[in-house]
């Protein structure tokens, strides 16, 4: 379980996959089902199994990809 801070958001990674986090709208979690261990990590990170809105996995992946693109643009500029 790893947490990454990017552009004012916190993103939880399970192994190499972003699965949950906090953004300006509050807590969120992936709708995709992973292992029971990953589910336990998400629940612990968010503070319970009923905490956080459910979003698509592509939404979470997009946040990370967008952040990487922003970082690369900053390095190039």
N, C-alpha and C. Protein backbone atom coordinates (compact mmCIF):
# COMPACT_ATOMS: atom_id res chain seq x y z
N UNK A 1 0.85 -1.16 0.00
CA UNK A 1 0.00 0.00 0.00
C UNK A 1 0.90 1.23 0.00
N UNK A 2 0.73 2.07 -1.01
CA UNK A 2 1.55 3.28 -1.15
C UNK A 2 0.64 4.46 -1.45
N UNK A 3 0.91 5.58 -0.83
CA UNK A 3 0.15 6.80 -1.10
C UNK A 3 1.03 7.80 -1.82
N UNK A 4 0.48 8.41 -2.86
CA UNK A 4 1.19 9.41 -3.65
C UNK A 4 0.41 10.71 -3.60
N UNK A 5 1.10 11.80 -3.34
CA UNK A 5 0.48 13.13 -3.33
C UNK A 5 0.76 13.79 -4.68
N UNK A 6 -0.31 14.12 -5.41
CA UNK A 6 -0.15 14.77 -6.72
C UNK A 6 -1.23 15.84 -6.92
N UNK A 7 -0.79 17.02 -7.29
CA UNK A 7 -1.70 18.12 -7.62
C UNK A 7 -2.82 18.30 -6.60
N UNK A 8 -2.50 18.25 -5.34
CA UNK A 8 -3.48 18.44 -4.29
C UNK A 8 -4.36 17.24 -4.00
N UNK A 9 -4.04 16.11 -4.59
CA UNK A 9 -4.81 14.89 -4.37
C UNK A 9 -3.91 13.85 -3.71
N UNK A 10 -4.53 12.92 -3.03
CA UNK A 10 -3.83 11.76 -2.47
C UNK A 10 -4.35 10.54 -3.20
N UNK A 11 -3.45 9.73 -3.71
CA UNK A 11 -3.83 8.53 -4.46
C UNK A 11 -3.21 7.32 -3.79
N UNK A 12 -4.04 6.32 -3.50
CA UNK A 12 -3.58 5.06 -2.91
C UNK A 12 -3.29 4.07 -4.03
N UNK A 13 -2.11 3.48 -3.96
CA UNK A 13 -1.73 2.44 -4.91
C UNK A 13 -1.70 1.10 -4.20
N UNK A 14 -2.22 0.09 -4.86
CA UNK A 14 -2.06 -1.29 -4.41
C UNK A 14 -1.14 -1.93 -5.43
N UNK A 15 0.04 -2.28 -4.99
CA UNK A 15 1.10 -2.71 -5.90
C UNK A 15 1.35 -1.55 -6.86
N UNK A 16 1.14 -1.69 -8.15
CA UNK A 16 1.38 -0.59 -9.09
C UNK A 16 0.09 0.04 -9.62
N UNK A 17 -1.04 -0.31 -9.04
CA UNK A 17 -2.33 0.15 -9.53
C UNK A 17 -2.96 1.17 -8.59
N UNK A 18 -3.33 2.36 -9.10
CA UNK A 18 -4.04 3.32 -8.26
C UNK A 18 -5.47 2.84 -8.04
N UNK A 19 -5.92 2.80 -6.77
CA UNK A 19 -7.23 2.20 -6.48
C UNK A 19 -8.17 3.07 -5.65
N UNK A 20 -7.67 4.13 -5.04
CA UNK A 20 -8.52 4.98 -4.20
C UNK A 20 -7.79 6.29 -3.94
N UNK A 21 -8.49 7.21 -3.31
CA UNK A 21 -7.84 8.46 -2.98
C UNK A 21 -8.76 9.51 -2.44
N UNK A 22 -8.22 10.70 -2.37
CA UNK A 22 -8.94 11.89 -1.90
C UNK A 22 -8.68 13.00 -2.91
N UNK A 23 -9.76 13.65 -3.34
CA UNK A 23 -9.62 14.82 -4.22
C UNK A 23 -10.47 15.95 -3.65
N UNK A 24 -10.70 16.99 -4.43
CA UNK A 24 -11.45 18.14 -3.93
C UNK A 24 -12.91 17.82 -3.62
N UNK A 25 -13.41 16.68 -4.07
CA UNK A 25 -14.79 16.26 -3.77
C UNK A 25 -14.85 15.26 -2.62
N UNK A 26 -13.71 14.89 -2.07
CA UNK A 26 -13.66 13.95 -0.96
C UNK A 26 -13.06 12.62 -1.35
N UNK A 27 -13.40 11.60 -0.59
CA UNK A 27 -12.84 10.26 -0.78
C UNK A 27 -13.48 9.57 -1.98
N UNK A 28 -12.68 8.72 -2.65
CA UNK A 28 -13.20 7.90 -3.75
C UNK A 28 -12.50 6.56 -3.75
N UNK A 29 -13.16 5.58 -4.34
CA UNK A 29 -12.62 4.23 -4.47
C UNK A 29 -13.01 3.66 -5.83
N UNK A 30 -12.21 2.74 -6.31
CA UNK A 30 -12.47 2.12 -7.60
C UNK A 30 -13.71 1.23 -7.53
N UNK A 31 -14.43 1.17 -8.65
CA UNK A 31 -15.55 0.23 -8.74
C UNK A 31 -15.07 -1.17 -9.11
N UNK A 32 -13.84 -1.25 -9.60
CA UNK A 32 -13.28 -2.53 -10.02
C UNK A 32 -12.94 -3.38 -8.81
N UNK A 33 -13.19 -4.66 -8.91
CA UNK A 33 -12.88 -5.58 -7.81
C UNK A 33 -11.47 -6.14 -7.99
N UNK A 34 -10.71 -6.04 -6.90
CA UNK A 34 -9.37 -6.61 -6.88
C UNK A 34 -9.36 -7.68 -5.79
N UNK A 35 -8.21 -8.02 -5.29
CA UNK A 35 -8.10 -9.06 -4.25
C UNK A 35 -8.71 -8.58 -2.94
N UNK A 36 -8.96 -9.53 -2.05
CA UNK A 36 -9.49 -9.17 -0.73
C UNK A 36 -8.48 -8.33 0.04
N UNK A 37 -7.20 -8.55 -0.19
CA UNK A 37 -6.16 -7.75 0.46
C UNK A 37 -6.25 -6.30 0.01
N UNK A 38 -6.42 -6.08 -1.29
CA UNK A 38 -6.55 -4.72 -1.80
C UNK A 38 -7.79 -4.06 -1.23
N UNK A 39 -8.89 -4.79 -1.15
CA UNK A 39 -10.12 -4.23 -0.56
C UNK A 39 -9.89 -3.82 0.89
N UNK A 40 -9.17 -4.63 1.63
CA UNK A 40 -8.85 -4.29 3.02
C UNK A 40 -7.99 -3.03 3.09
N UNK A 41 -7.03 -2.91 2.18
CA UNK A 41 -6.18 -1.73 2.15
C UNK A 41 -7.00 -0.48 1.86
N UNK A 42 -7.90 -0.57 0.89
CA UNK A 42 -8.75 0.57 0.54
C UNK A 42 -9.60 0.97 1.74
N UNK A 43 -10.24 0.00 2.38
CA UNK A 43 -11.10 0.29 3.53
C UNK A 43 -10.32 0.92 4.67
N UNK A 44 -9.11 0.42 4.92
CA UNK A 44 -8.27 0.99 5.98
C UNK A 44 -7.86 2.41 5.63
N UNK A 45 -7.46 2.63 4.41
CA UNK A 45 -7.01 3.95 3.95
C UNK A 45 -8.12 4.99 4.03
N UNK A 46 -9.32 4.61 3.62
CA UNK A 46 -10.43 5.57 3.60
C UNK A 46 -11.14 5.68 4.95
N UNK A 47 -10.93 4.71 5.82
CA UNK A 47 -11.55 4.76 7.13
C UNK A 47 -12.83 3.97 7.27
N UNK A 48 -13.08 3.05 6.35
CA UNK A 48 -14.26 2.20 6.44
C UNK A 48 -14.74 1.77 5.08
N UNK A 49 -15.54 0.70 5.08
CA UNK A 49 -15.99 0.14 3.80
C UNK A 49 -17.07 0.97 3.12
N UNK A 50 -17.71 1.86 3.87
CA UNK A 50 -18.77 2.69 3.29
C UNK A 50 -18.33 4.13 3.05
N UNK A 51 -17.04 4.38 3.19
CA UNK A 51 -16.51 5.73 3.00
C UNK A 51 -16.04 5.90 1.56
N UNK A 52 -16.40 7.01 0.94
CA UNK A 52 -15.93 7.33 -0.40
C UNK A 52 -16.91 6.97 -1.49
N UNK A 53 -16.96 7.84 -2.48
CA UNK A 53 -17.80 7.57 -3.64
C UNK A 53 -17.10 6.55 -4.53
N UNK A 54 -17.88 5.80 -5.28
CA UNK A 54 -17.33 4.80 -6.18
C UNK A 54 -17.14 5.44 -7.56
N UNK A 55 -15.95 5.29 -8.11
CA UNK A 55 -15.64 5.84 -9.43
C UNK A 55 -15.04 4.74 -10.30
N UNK A 56 -15.02 4.97 -11.58
CA UNK A 56 -14.45 3.98 -12.49
C UNK A 56 -12.94 3.90 -12.30
N UNK A 57 -12.39 2.75 -12.62
CA UNK A 57 -10.93 2.59 -12.56
C UNK A 57 -10.26 3.54 -13.53
N UNK A 58 -10.90 3.79 -14.67
CA UNK A 58 -10.31 4.70 -15.66
C UNK A 58 -10.24 6.14 -15.13
N UNK A 59 -11.17 6.52 -14.26
CA UNK A 59 -11.12 7.85 -13.64
C UNK A 59 -9.84 7.98 -12.80
N UNK A 60 -9.59 6.97 -11.96
CA UNK A 60 -8.41 7.02 -11.08
C UNK A 60 -7.13 6.96 -11.90
N UNK A 61 -7.09 6.08 -12.87
CA UNK A 61 -5.91 5.98 -13.74
C UNK A 61 -5.69 7.29 -14.48
N UNK A 62 -6.77 7.92 -14.91
CA UNK A 62 -6.67 9.20 -15.60
C UNK A 62 -6.08 10.30 -14.73
N UNK A 63 -6.40 10.29 -13.44
CA UNK A 63 -5.82 11.28 -12.52
C UNK A 63 -4.31 11.14 -12.46
N UNK A 64 -3.85 9.92 -12.39
CA UNK A 64 -2.42 9.65 -12.30
C UNK A 64 -1.74 9.99 -13.63
N UNK A 65 -2.34 9.57 -14.74
CA UNK A 65 -1.76 9.86 -16.05
C UNK A 65 -1.70 11.37 -16.30
N UNK A 66 -2.76 12.09 -15.92
CA UNK A 66 -2.80 13.53 -16.09
C UNK A 66 -1.68 14.18 -15.28
N UNK A 67 -1.49 13.72 -14.06
CA UNK A 67 -0.45 14.26 -13.20
C UNK A 67 0.93 14.02 -13.78
N UNK A 68 1.15 12.84 -14.36
CA UNK A 68 2.44 12.54 -14.99
C UNK A 68 2.67 13.46 -16.18
N UNK A 69 1.61 13.69 -16.98
CA UNK A 69 1.74 14.58 -18.14
C UNK A 69 2.07 16.00 -17.69
N UNK A 70 1.42 16.47 -16.63
CA UNK A 70 1.69 17.81 -16.10
C UNK A 70 3.14 17.93 -15.63
N UNK A 71 3.62 16.91 -14.96
CA UNK A 71 4.99 16.91 -14.47
C UNK A 71 5.98 16.97 -15.62
N UNK A 72 5.73 16.21 -16.67
CA UNK A 72 6.62 16.21 -17.83
C UNK A 72 6.62 17.58 -18.50
N UNK A 73 5.45 18.19 -18.64
CA UNK A 73 5.37 19.52 -19.26
C UNK A 73 6.16 20.53 -18.44
N UNK A 74 6.10 20.42 -17.11
CA UNK A 74 6.83 21.35 -16.24
C UNK A 74 8.34 21.17 -16.41
N UNK A 75 8.76 19.92 -16.59
CA UNK A 75 10.20 19.66 -16.76
C UNK A 75 10.70 20.18 -18.09
N UNK A 76 9.87 20.10 -19.12
CA UNK A 76 10.26 20.53 -20.47
C UNK A 76 10.30 22.05 -20.55
N UNK A 77 9.37 22.71 -19.87
CA UNK A 77 9.25 24.18 -19.98
C UNK A 77 10.42 24.93 -19.39
